[in-house]
Amino acid sequence: MMGGELQVTQKYLALLRQTLFYGSWADHMEQLMGDPAMAATDPETGPVTHMLHHHDIMGADDGRVEKYLMTMLSKTDSDDPYFQEQAVLGAMWTRQPADFWPRLIHYYELRGDQPMPRIFMEAACLFSHMDQTYSVELPDPSIEKNYAAFMQQLQQYKGKPLPFIRKMLLPHFGQTYYFEYFFLRDITYF
């Protein structure tokens, strides 16, 4: 449907309409298919249609779609704040400070006076400590304090097995980018 293949979409919606759980969903999608303006504002299809305004650079990915897409996002800038936010997230996912900084700076320029998401500030704090090329002054001093506490506890458990350290730090730091960076690497296909 998002790619404009309406005959194929009709075929699959007809099949889904015959199922026990997806009939009403298929009806809803068929309504959206006939009304592009409604599809653009729908909570499920709106974000997808918004991203379709950008150049499609998808090619062969050797079966690693997520890594391919996130890497492409991490190297792409846009003047659309929504898309640029995805590019910053892509750079955070790939854990590449060299890609993160240009995406974040452009995102910051697009946002103006709006507050920066906390996870972006956490990534900026971590990457600035890893690579002294960029120095940041964070508007929220609690982020720097939280990072210092995280690193102190991380050092405290030095030499312990990774699953043990992950379990010990999860309650206090599980919602931070630092935790994700150090302990969730194994779920991002690297």
N, C-alpha and C. Protein backbone atom coordinates (compact mmCIF):
# COMPACT_ATOMS: atom_id res chain seq x y z
N MET A 1 0.82 -1.18 0.00
CA MET A 1 0.00 0.00 0.00
C MET A 1 0.87 1.26 0.00
N MET A 2 1.89 1.27 0.82
CA MET A 2 2.75 2.45 0.91
C MET A 2 3.56 2.64 -0.36
N GLY A 3 3.82 1.57 -1.07
CA GLY A 3 4.58 1.66 -2.31
C GLY A 3 3.72 1.91 -3.53
N GLY A 4 2.39 2.00 -3.34
CA GLY A 4 1.49 2.28 -4.45
C GLY A 4 1.05 1.06 -5.22
N GLU A 5 1.33 -0.12 -4.73
CA GLU A 5 0.93 -1.35 -5.41
C GLU A 5 -0.47 -1.73 -4.95
N LEU A 6 -1.47 -1.09 -5.53
CA LEU A 6 -2.83 -1.19 -5.04
C LEU A 6 -3.48 -2.55 -5.31
N GLN A 7 -3.17 -3.19 -6.44
CA GLN A 7 -3.74 -4.50 -6.72
C GLN A 7 -3.24 -5.54 -5.72
N VAL A 8 -1.97 -5.51 -5.43
CA VAL A 8 -1.40 -6.44 -4.46
C VAL A 8 -1.98 -6.16 -3.08
N THR A 9 -2.12 -4.89 -2.75
CA THR A 9 -2.69 -4.50 -1.46
C THR A 9 -4.11 -5.03 -1.33
N GLN A 10 -4.92 -4.87 -2.39
CA GLN A 10 -6.30 -5.37 -2.36
C GLN A 10 -6.33 -6.88 -2.14
N LYS A 11 -5.42 -7.58 -2.79
CA LYS A 11 -5.36 -9.04 -2.66
C LYS A 11 -5.11 -9.43 -1.20
N TYR A 12 -4.11 -8.81 -0.57
CA TYR A 12 -3.77 -9.17 0.81
C TYR A 12 -4.82 -8.71 1.80
N LEU A 13 -5.42 -7.56 1.54
CA LEU A 13 -6.48 -7.10 2.44
C LEU A 13 -7.69 -8.04 2.36
N ALA A 14 -7.98 -8.54 1.18
CA ALA A 14 -9.09 -9.50 1.04
C ALA A 14 -8.79 -10.78 1.82
N LEU A 15 -7.56 -11.23 1.78
CA LEU A 15 -7.18 -12.42 2.56
C LEU A 15 -7.26 -12.15 4.06
N LEU A 16 -6.77 -11.00 4.47
CA LEU A 16 -6.79 -10.65 5.90
C LEU A 16 -8.23 -10.45 6.41
N ARG A 17 -9.09 -9.98 5.55
CA ARG A 17 -10.48 -9.73 5.94
C ARG A 17 -11.17 -11.05 6.31
N GLN A 18 -10.70 -12.16 5.78
CA GLN A 18 -11.30 -13.46 6.05
C GLN A 18 -10.80 -14.08 7.35
N THR A 19 -9.81 -13.48 7.98
CA THR A 19 -9.27 -14.04 9.21
C THR A 19 -10.10 -13.59 10.40
N LEU A 20 -9.90 -14.26 11.51
CA LEU A 20 -10.66 -13.98 12.71
C LEU A 20 -10.30 -12.64 13.34
N PHE A 21 -9.02 -12.29 13.34
CA PHE A 21 -8.57 -11.12 14.09
C PHE A 21 -8.26 -9.88 13.24
N TYR A 22 -8.06 -10.00 11.93
CA TYR A 22 -7.58 -8.88 11.14
C TYR A 22 -8.60 -8.30 10.17
N GLY A 23 -9.84 -8.72 10.24
CA GLY A 23 -10.86 -8.22 9.32
C GLY A 23 -11.10 -6.73 9.45
N SER A 24 -11.27 -6.25 10.67
CA SER A 24 -11.53 -4.82 10.86
C SER A 24 -10.28 -4.00 10.52
N TRP A 25 -9.11 -4.55 10.78
CA TRP A 25 -7.87 -3.86 10.42
C TRP A 25 -7.80 -3.71 8.90
N ALA A 26 -8.15 -4.78 8.17
CA ALA A 26 -8.13 -4.74 6.70
C ALA A 26 -9.12 -3.70 6.18
N ASP A 27 -10.29 -3.63 6.81
CA ASP A 27 -11.27 -2.61 6.41
C ASP A 27 -10.70 -1.20 6.61
N HIS A 28 -10.06 -1.00 7.75
CA HIS A 28 -9.46 0.30 8.05
C HIS A 28 -8.37 0.65 7.03
N MET A 29 -7.52 -0.30 6.70
CA MET A 29 -6.45 -0.06 5.73
C MET A 29 -7.01 0.25 4.36
N GLU A 30 -8.12 -0.40 4.00
CA GLU A 30 -8.75 -0.12 2.71
C GLU A 30 -9.28 1.32 2.66
N GLN A 31 -9.83 1.79 3.78
CA GLN A 31 -10.26 3.19 3.84
C GLN A 31 -9.08 4.13 3.64
N LEU A 32 -7.97 3.80 4.29
CA LEU A 32 -6.77 4.65 4.16
C LEU A 32 -6.22 4.63 2.75
N MET A 33 -6.31 3.48 2.11
CA MET A 33 -5.80 3.34 0.76
C MET A 33 -6.51 4.29 -0.20
N GLY A 34 -7.80 4.55 0.05
CA GLY A 34 -8.57 5.44 -0.81
C GLY A 34 -8.47 6.90 -0.43
N ASP A 35 -7.78 7.20 0.67
CA ASP A 35 -7.70 8.58 1.14
C ASP A 35 -6.29 8.88 1.64
N PRO A 36 -5.41 9.37 0.75
CA PRO A 36 -4.02 9.64 1.15
C PRO A 36 -3.89 10.64 2.30
N ALA A 37 -4.79 11.61 2.38
CA ALA A 37 -4.73 12.58 3.47
C ALA A 37 -5.00 11.91 4.81
N MET A 38 -5.95 10.98 4.84
CA MET A 38 -6.25 10.25 6.07
C MET A 38 -5.08 9.32 6.43
N ALA A 39 -4.48 8.70 5.42
CA ALA A 39 -3.33 7.81 5.67
C ALA A 39 -2.16 8.59 6.27
N ALA A 40 -2.01 9.85 5.86
CA ALA A 40 -0.91 10.67 6.36
C ALA A 40 -1.10 11.06 7.82
N THR A 41 -2.34 11.07 8.30
CA THR A 41 -2.59 11.47 9.69
C THR A 41 -2.91 10.28 10.60
N ASP A 42 -3.06 9.11 10.03
CA ASP A 42 -3.36 7.90 10.82
C ASP A 42 -2.16 7.54 11.71
N PRO A 43 -2.40 7.16 12.97
CA PRO A 43 -1.28 6.84 13.88
C PRO A 43 -0.38 5.70 13.37
N GLU A 44 -0.95 4.77 12.63
CA GLU A 44 -0.16 3.62 12.16
C GLU A 44 0.58 3.92 10.86
N THR A 45 -0.07 4.57 9.92
CA THR A 45 0.54 4.80 8.61
C THR A 45 1.17 6.18 8.47
N GLY A 46 0.78 7.12 9.32
CA GLY A 46 1.30 8.49 9.22
C GLY A 46 2.81 8.59 9.25
N PRO A 47 3.47 7.99 10.25
CA PRO A 47 4.94 8.08 10.27
C PRO A 47 5.60 7.46 9.03
N VAL A 48 4.99 6.41 8.51
CA VAL A 48 5.56 5.77 7.31
C VAL A 48 5.40 6.69 6.11
N THR A 49 4.21 7.24 5.93
CA THR A 49 4.01 8.13 4.77
C THR A 49 4.89 9.36 4.87
N HIS A 50 5.13 9.82 6.09
CA HIS A 50 6.01 10.97 6.29
C HIS A 50 7.42 10.66 5.79
N MET A 51 7.91 9.47 6.06
CA MET A 51 9.26 9.10 5.66
C MET A 51 9.35 8.82 4.16
N LEU A 52 8.23 8.57 3.50
CA LEU A 52 8.24 8.28 2.06
C LEU A 52 8.56 9.50 1.21
N HIS A 53 8.57 10.68 1.82
CA HIS A 53 8.89 11.90 1.08
C HIS A 53 10.38 12.00 0.76
N HIS A 54 11.17 11.13 1.34
CA HIS A 54 12.61 11.19 1.16
C HIS A 54 13.07 10.19 0.11
N HIS A 55 14.24 10.44 -0.42
CA HIS A 55 14.80 9.61 -1.47
C HIS A 55 14.94 8.16 -1.03
N ASP A 56 14.49 7.23 -1.84
CA ASP A 56 14.57 5.80 -1.54
C ASP A 56 15.91 5.28 -2.04
N ILE A 57 16.78 4.91 -1.11
CA ILE A 57 18.11 4.44 -1.48
C ILE A 57 18.32 2.98 -1.13
N MET A 58 17.23 2.26 -0.90
CA MET A 58 17.33 0.86 -0.51
C MET A 58 17.87 0.04 -1.67
N GLY A 59 18.83 -0.80 -1.35
CA GLY A 59 19.41 -1.70 -2.33
C GLY A 59 19.65 -3.04 -1.67
N ALA A 60 20.63 -3.78 -2.12
CA ALA A 60 20.96 -5.07 -1.53
C ALA A 60 21.54 -4.86 -0.14
N ASP A 61 21.12 -5.69 0.79
CA ASP A 61 21.59 -5.52 2.17
C ASP A 61 22.12 -6.81 2.77
N ASP A 62 22.28 -7.83 1.95
CA ASP A 62 22.80 -9.11 2.42
C ASP A 62 21.97 -9.68 3.56
N GLY A 63 20.68 -9.43 3.57
CA GLY A 63 19.80 -9.98 4.58
C GLY A 63 19.88 -9.29 5.93
N ARG A 64 20.53 -8.15 6.00
CA ARG A 64 20.68 -7.44 7.27
C ARG A 64 19.99 -6.08 7.17
N VAL A 65 18.70 -6.13 7.01
CA VAL A 65 17.91 -4.93 6.74
C VAL A 65 18.10 -3.87 7.83
N GLU A 66 17.96 -4.28 9.09
CA GLU A 66 18.03 -3.29 10.16
C GLU A 66 19.38 -2.58 10.18
N LYS A 67 20.45 -3.33 10.09
CA LYS A 67 21.79 -2.71 10.11
C LYS A 67 21.96 -1.80 8.90
N TYR A 68 21.52 -2.26 7.76
CA TYR A 68 21.65 -1.46 6.54
C TYR A 68 20.90 -0.13 6.67
N LEU A 69 19.64 -0.21 7.11
CA LEU A 69 18.83 1.00 7.22
C LEU A 69 19.39 1.96 8.27
N MET A 70 19.79 1.44 9.40
CA MET A 70 20.31 2.31 10.45
C MET A 70 21.64 2.95 10.03
N THR A 71 22.47 2.22 9.32
CA THR A 71 23.72 2.77 8.83
C THR A 71 23.46 3.87 7.81
N MET A 72 22.50 3.64 6.91
CA MET A 72 22.16 4.67 5.92
C MET A 72 21.59 5.91 6.63
N LEU A 73 20.72 5.71 7.60
CA LEU A 73 20.17 6.84 8.35
C LEU A 73 21.27 7.62 9.06
N SER A 74 22.23 6.89 9.63
CA SER A 74 23.29 7.54 10.42
C SER A 74 24.21 8.41 9.57
N LYS A 75 24.13 8.27 8.26
CA LYS A 75 24.99 9.03 7.37
C LYS A 75 24.20 10.04 6.52
N THR A 76 22.93 10.26 6.88
CA THR A 76 22.05 11.10 6.07
C THR A 76 21.55 12.29 6.88
N ASP A 77 21.54 13.45 6.26
CA ASP A 77 20.96 14.64 6.87
C ASP A 77 19.73 15.05 6.07
N SER A 78 18.82 15.74 6.76
CA SER A 78 17.60 16.23 6.13
C SER A 78 17.19 17.53 6.80
N ASP A 79 16.44 18.35 6.09
CA ASP A 79 15.90 19.56 6.69
C ASP A 79 14.54 19.31 7.32
N ASP A 80 14.11 18.07 7.33
CA ASP A 80 12.87 17.66 7.99
C ASP A 80 13.23 17.20 9.41
N PRO A 81 12.78 17.91 10.45
CA PRO A 81 13.17 17.56 11.82
C PRO A 81 12.82 16.12 12.20
N TYR A 82 11.68 15.61 11.73
CA TYR A 82 11.29 14.24 12.05
C TYR A 82 12.29 13.25 11.46
N PHE A 83 12.66 13.45 10.21
CA PHE A 83 13.63 12.57 9.57
C PHE A 83 15.00 12.71 10.23
N GLN A 84 15.39 13.94 10.55
CA GLN A 84 16.70 14.17 11.16
C GLN A 84 16.78 13.49 12.53
N GLU A 85 15.68 13.48 13.24
CA GLU A 85 15.64 12.77 14.53
C GLU A 85 15.93 11.28 14.33
N GLN A 86 15.38 10.71 13.27
CA GLN A 86 15.64 9.31 12.96
C GLN A 86 17.11 9.10 12.59
N ALA A 87 17.70 10.08 11.92
CA ALA A 87 19.12 9.99 11.57
C ALA A 87 20.00 10.01 12.82
N VAL A 88 19.65 10.83 13.80
CA VAL A 88 20.40 10.86 15.06
C VAL A 88 20.27 9.50 15.76
N LEU A 89 19.06 8.97 15.79
CA LEU A 89 18.85 7.66 16.41
C LEU A 89 19.63 6.57 15.67
N GLY A 90 19.69 6.68 14.34
CA GLY A 90 20.49 5.72 13.57
C GLY A 90 21.95 5.78 13.95
N ALA A 91 22.48 6.98 14.12
CA ALA A 91 23.88 7.14 14.52
C ALA A 91 24.11 6.61 15.93
N MET A 92 23.13 6.78 16.80
CA MET A 92 23.26 6.22 18.15
C MET A 92 23.22 4.70 18.10
N TRP A 93 22.39 4.14 17.26
CA TRP A 93 22.25 2.69 17.12
C TRP A 93 23.55 2.08 16.61
N THR A 94 24.18 2.76 15.63
CA THR A 94 25.43 2.22 15.07
C THR A 94 26.63 2.48 15.97
N ARG A 95 26.44 3.36 16.96
CA ARG A 95 27.49 3.65 17.95
C ARG A 95 28.73 4.28 17.31
N GLN A 96 28.48 5.15 16.34
CA GLN A 96 29.58 5.80 15.63
C GLN A 96 29.59 7.30 15.94
N PRO A 97 30.48 7.75 16.84
CA PRO A 97 30.52 9.18 17.17
C PRO A 97 30.74 10.07 15.94
N ALA A 98 31.52 9.60 14.97
CA ALA A 98 31.79 10.41 13.78
C ALA A 98 30.51 10.67 12.98
N ASP A 99 29.55 9.77 13.03
CA ASP A 99 28.26 9.98 12.36
C ASP A 99 27.28 10.71 13.28
N PHE A 100 27.40 10.48 14.57
CA PHE A 100 26.48 11.07 15.54
C PHE A 100 26.56 12.60 15.57
N TRP A 101 27.77 13.14 15.67
CA TRP A 101 27.92 14.59 15.87
C TRP A 101 27.31 15.43 14.74
N PRO A 102 27.59 15.14 13.48
CA PRO A 102 26.96 15.96 12.42
C PRO A 102 25.44 15.86 12.42
N ARG A 103 24.90 14.64 12.67
CA ARG A 103 23.45 14.47 12.71
C ARG A 103 22.85 15.25 13.87
N LEU A 104 23.49 15.18 15.05
CA LEU A 104 22.98 15.88 16.22
C LEU A 104 23.04 17.40 16.05
N ILE A 105 24.14 17.89 15.53
CA ILE A 105 24.28 19.34 15.34
C ILE A 105 23.21 19.86 14.38
N HIS A 106 22.98 19.15 13.29
CA HIS A 106 21.95 19.58 12.33
C HIS A 106 20.56 19.49 12.97
N TYR A 107 20.33 18.44 13.74
CA TYR A 107 19.04 18.29 14.44
C TYR A 107 18.83 19.45 15.41
N TYR A 108 19.87 19.81 16.13
CA TYR A 108 19.81 20.92 17.08
C TYR A 108 19.47 22.23 16.35
N GLU A 109 20.11 22.44 15.20
CA GLU A 109 19.84 23.65 14.41
C GLU A 109 18.38 23.69 13.94
N LEU A 110 17.83 22.53 13.59
CA LEU A 110 16.45 22.47 13.12
C LEU A 110 15.45 22.72 14.25
N ARG A 111 15.80 22.33 15.46
CA ARG A 111 14.86 22.43 16.60
C ARG A 111 14.83 23.82 17.22
N GLY A 112 15.86 24.59 17.05
CA GLY A 112 15.87 25.92 17.64
C GLY A 112 15.88 25.88 19.15
N ASP A 113 14.87 26.48 19.76
CA ASP A 113 14.81 26.59 21.22
C ASP A 113 14.13 25.40 21.90
N GLN A 114 13.65 24.45 21.14
CA GLN A 114 12.98 23.30 21.75
C GLN A 114 13.98 22.46 22.53
N PRO A 115 13.55 21.90 23.66
CA PRO A 115 14.49 21.08 24.45
C PRO A 115 14.91 19.81 23.71
N MET A 116 16.13 19.42 23.94
CA MET A 116 16.71 18.23 23.33
C MET A 116 16.24 16.99 24.10
N PRO A 117 15.89 15.90 23.42
CA PRO A 117 15.52 14.67 24.14
C PRO A 117 16.67 14.21 25.05
N ARG A 118 16.31 13.73 26.21
CA ARG A 118 17.31 13.32 27.21
C ARG A 118 18.27 12.27 26.65
N ILE A 119 17.75 11.31 25.92
CA ILE A 119 18.63 10.24 25.42
C ILE A 119 19.67 10.80 24.45
N PHE A 120 19.35 11.87 23.72
CA PHE A 120 20.33 12.50 22.83
C PHE A 120 21.42 13.17 23.66
N MET A 121 21.01 13.80 24.77
CA MET A 121 22.01 14.44 25.64
C MET A 121 22.89 13.38 26.30
N GLU A 122 22.31 12.23 26.65
CA GLU A 122 23.11 11.15 27.23
C GLU A 122 24.14 10.64 26.22
N ALA A 123 23.72 10.50 24.96
CA ALA A 123 24.64 10.06 23.92
C ALA A 123 25.74 11.10 23.71
N ALA A 124 25.38 12.38 23.72
CA ALA A 124 26.37 13.45 23.55
C ALA A 124 27.37 13.42 24.70
N CYS A 125 26.90 13.19 25.91
CA CYS A 125 27.78 13.10 27.08
C CYS A 125 28.75 11.93 26.92
N LEU A 126 28.22 10.77 26.59
CA LEU A 126 29.07 9.59 26.43
C LEU A 126 30.10 9.79 25.31
N PHE A 127 29.64 10.22 24.15
CA PHE A 127 30.55 10.38 23.01
C PHE A 127 31.58 11.48 23.24
N SER A 128 31.22 12.52 23.97
CA SER A 128 32.20 13.57 24.23
C SER A 128 33.29 13.08 25.19
N HIS A 129 32.94 12.15 26.07
CA HIS A 129 33.96 11.56 26.95
C HIS A 129 34.83 10.55 26.19
N MET A 130 34.25 9.90 25.20
CA MET A 130 35.00 8.91 24.42
C MET A 130 35.94 9.58 23.43
N ASP A 131 35.47 10.67 22.84
CA ASP A 131 36.23 11.37 21.80
C ASP A 131 36.30 12.84 22.19
N GLN A 132 37.45 13.30 22.56
CA GLN A 132 37.62 14.66 23.06
C GLN A 132 37.48 15.73 21.98
N THR A 133 37.18 15.33 20.74
CA THR A 133 37.01 16.27 19.64
C THR A 133 35.86 17.24 19.92
N TYR A 134 34.78 16.69 20.49
CA TYR A 134 33.60 17.50 20.78
C TYR A 134 33.42 17.62 22.28
N SER A 135 33.24 18.84 22.72
CA SER A 135 32.98 19.12 24.12
C SER A 135 31.59 19.71 24.20
N VAL A 136 30.78 19.20 25.11
CA VAL A 136 29.41 19.70 25.22
C VAL A 136 29.14 20.22 26.62
N GLU A 137 28.33 21.25 26.65
CA GLU A 137 27.83 21.77 27.92
C GLU A 137 26.35 21.45 27.94
N LEU A 138 25.99 20.48 28.76
CA LEU A 138 24.62 20.00 28.79
C LEU A 138 23.73 20.92 29.63
N PRO A 139 22.52 21.19 29.14
CA PRO A 139 21.63 22.07 29.90
C PRO A 139 21.13 21.43 31.20
N ASP A 140 21.22 20.11 31.28
CA ASP A 140 20.77 19.40 32.48
C ASP A 140 21.99 18.77 33.15
N PRO A 141 22.47 19.33 34.25
CA PRO A 141 23.68 18.81 34.91
C PRO A 141 23.49 17.40 35.48
N SER A 142 22.26 16.95 35.64
CA SER A 142 22.04 15.61 36.18
C SER A 142 22.52 14.53 35.21
N ILE A 143 22.59 14.85 33.92
CA ILE A 143 23.05 13.87 32.94
C ILE A 143 24.53 13.56 33.15
N GLU A 144 25.32 14.60 33.33
CA GLU A 144 26.76 14.41 33.58
C GLU A 144 26.98 13.65 34.90
N LYS A 145 26.21 14.00 35.92
CA LYS A 145 26.32 13.31 37.21
C LYS A 145 25.92 11.84 37.08
N ASN A 146 24.86 11.59 36.35
CA ASN A 146 24.41 10.21 36.14
C ASN A 146 25.44 9.41 35.36
N TYR A 147 26.03 10.03 34.35
CA TYR A 147 27.09 9.36 33.58
C TYR A 147 28.27 9.03 34.48
N ALA A 148 28.68 9.98 35.32
CA ALA A 148 29.81 9.74 36.24
C ALA A 148 29.50 8.60 37.20
N ALA A 149 28.27 8.55 37.71
CA ALA A 149 27.88 7.47 38.61
C ALA A 149 27.88 6.13 37.89
N PHE A 150 27.41 6.14 36.64
CA PHE A 150 27.41 4.91 35.84
C PHE A 150 28.84 4.40 35.64
N MET A 151 29.72 5.30 35.23
CA MET A 151 31.11 4.90 34.99
C MET A 151 31.79 4.42 36.28
N GLN A 152 31.47 5.06 37.39
CA GLN A 152 32.05 4.65 38.68
C GLN A 152 31.59 3.23 39.03
N GLN A 153 30.31 2.96 38.86
CA GLN A 153 29.81 1.61 39.17
C GLN A 153 30.36 0.60 38.17
N LEU A 154 30.49 1.00 36.93
CA LEU A 154 31.05 0.11 35.92
C LEU A 154 32.47 -0.30 36.31
N GLN A 155 33.26 0.65 36.78
CA GLN A 155 34.63 0.36 37.24
C GLN A 155 34.62 -0.54 38.47
N GLN A 156 33.64 -0.34 39.32
CA GLN A 156 33.53 -1.13 40.55
C GLN A 156 33.37 -2.62 40.24
N TYR A 157 32.69 -2.93 39.14
CA TYR A 157 32.44 -4.33 38.77
C TYR A 157 33.44 -4.86 37.74
N LYS A 158 34.52 -4.14 37.52
CA LYS A 158 35.52 -4.53 36.54
C LYS A 158 36.00 -5.96 36.83
N GLY A 159 36.05 -6.77 35.79
CA GLY A 159 36.49 -8.15 35.91
C GLY A 159 35.37 -9.14 36.16
N LYS A 160 34.19 -8.66 36.47
CA LYS A 160 33.04 -9.54 36.70
C LYS A 160 32.43 -9.92 35.34
N PRO A 161 31.68 -11.02 35.30
CA PRO A 161 31.04 -11.42 34.04
C PRO A 161 30.01 -10.38 33.58
N LEU A 162 29.93 -10.20 32.28
CA LEU A 162 29.03 -9.21 31.69
C LEU A 162 27.58 -9.37 32.15
N PRO A 163 27.02 -10.60 32.16
CA PRO A 163 25.62 -10.73 32.62
C PRO A 163 25.43 -10.24 34.07
N PHE A 164 26.41 -10.46 34.92
CA PHE A 164 26.34 -10.00 36.31
C PHE A 164 26.33 -8.47 36.36
N ILE A 165 27.24 -7.85 35.62
CA ILE A 165 27.32 -6.38 35.61
C ILE A 165 26.01 -5.79 35.06
N ARG A 166 25.52 -6.37 33.99
CA ARG A 166 24.27 -5.90 33.38
C ARG A 166 23.14 -5.95 34.40
N LYS A 167 23.04 -7.06 35.14
CA LYS A 167 21.99 -7.24 36.14
C LYS A 167 22.13 -6.21 37.27
N MET A 168 23.35 -5.93 37.68
CA MET A 168 23.57 -5.00 38.78
C MET A 168 23.26 -3.54 38.38
N LEU A 169 23.55 -3.17 37.15
CA LEU A 169 23.36 -1.78 36.71
C LEU A 169 21.96 -1.50 36.15
N LEU A 170 21.26 -2.54 35.78
CA LEU A 170 19.94 -2.38 35.15
C LEU A 170 18.95 -1.56 35.99
N PRO A 171 18.79 -1.81 37.28
CA PRO A 171 17.77 -1.07 38.03
C PRO A 171 17.97 0.45 38.02
N HIS A 172 19.19 0.90 38.09
CA HIS A 172 19.41 2.35 38.17
C HIS A 172 19.70 3.00 36.81
N PHE A 173 20.30 2.26 35.90
CA PHE A 173 20.74 2.86 34.64
C PHE A 173 20.10 2.24 33.39
N GLY A 174 19.17 1.33 33.56
CA GLY A 174 18.58 0.61 32.43
C GLY A 174 17.90 1.47 31.40
N GLN A 175 17.49 2.68 31.77
CA GLN A 175 16.79 3.57 30.83
C GLN A 175 17.73 4.59 30.19
N THR A 176 19.01 4.42 30.36
CA THR A 176 19.96 5.40 29.83
C THR A 176 20.61 4.90 28.54
N TYR A 177 21.13 5.83 27.77
CA TYR A 177 21.87 5.45 26.57
C TYR A 177 23.18 4.77 26.93
N TYR A 178 23.78 5.13 28.07
CA TYR A 178 25.05 4.50 28.47
C TYR A 178 24.84 3.01 28.64
N PHE A 179 23.75 2.64 29.30
CA PHE A 179 23.47 1.23 29.52
C PHE A 179 23.29 0.52 28.17
N GLU A 180 22.53 1.14 27.30
CA GLU A 180 22.31 0.55 25.97
C GLU A 180 23.63 0.39 25.23
N TYR A 181 24.44 1.41 25.25
CA TYR A 181 25.71 1.39 24.53
C TYR A 181 26.59 0.24 24.99
N PHE A 182 26.72 0.06 26.29
CA PHE A 182 27.63 -0.95 26.81
C PHE A 182 27.03 -2.35 26.93
N PHE A 183 25.72 -2.45 27.14
CA PHE A 183 25.16 -3.75 27.48
C PHE A 183 24.14 -4.31 26.50
N LEU A 184 23.73 -3.56 25.52
CA LEU A 184 22.75 -4.08 24.57
C LEU A 184 23.34 -4.23 23.17
N ARG A 185 24.64 -4.22 23.08
CA ARG A 185 25.31 -4.36 21.79
C ARG A 185 24.96 -5.67 21.10
N ASP A 186 24.78 -6.72 21.87
CA ASP A 186 24.53 -8.03 21.30
C ASP A 186 23.16 -8.16 20.63
N ILE A 187 22.27 -7.20 20.82
CA ILE A 187 20.96 -7.30 20.15
C ILE A 187 20.89 -6.41 18.91
N THR A 188 21.99 -5.79 18.52
CA THR A 188 21.95 -4.91 17.35
C THR A 188 22.73 -5.49 16.17
N TYR A 189 23.00 -6.77 16.17
CA TYR A 189 23.54 -7.49 15.02
C TYR A 189 24.94 -7.06 14.59
N PHE A 190 25.76 -6.58 15.50
CA PHE A 190 27.12 -6.25 15.14
C PHE A 190 28.03 -7.41 15.44
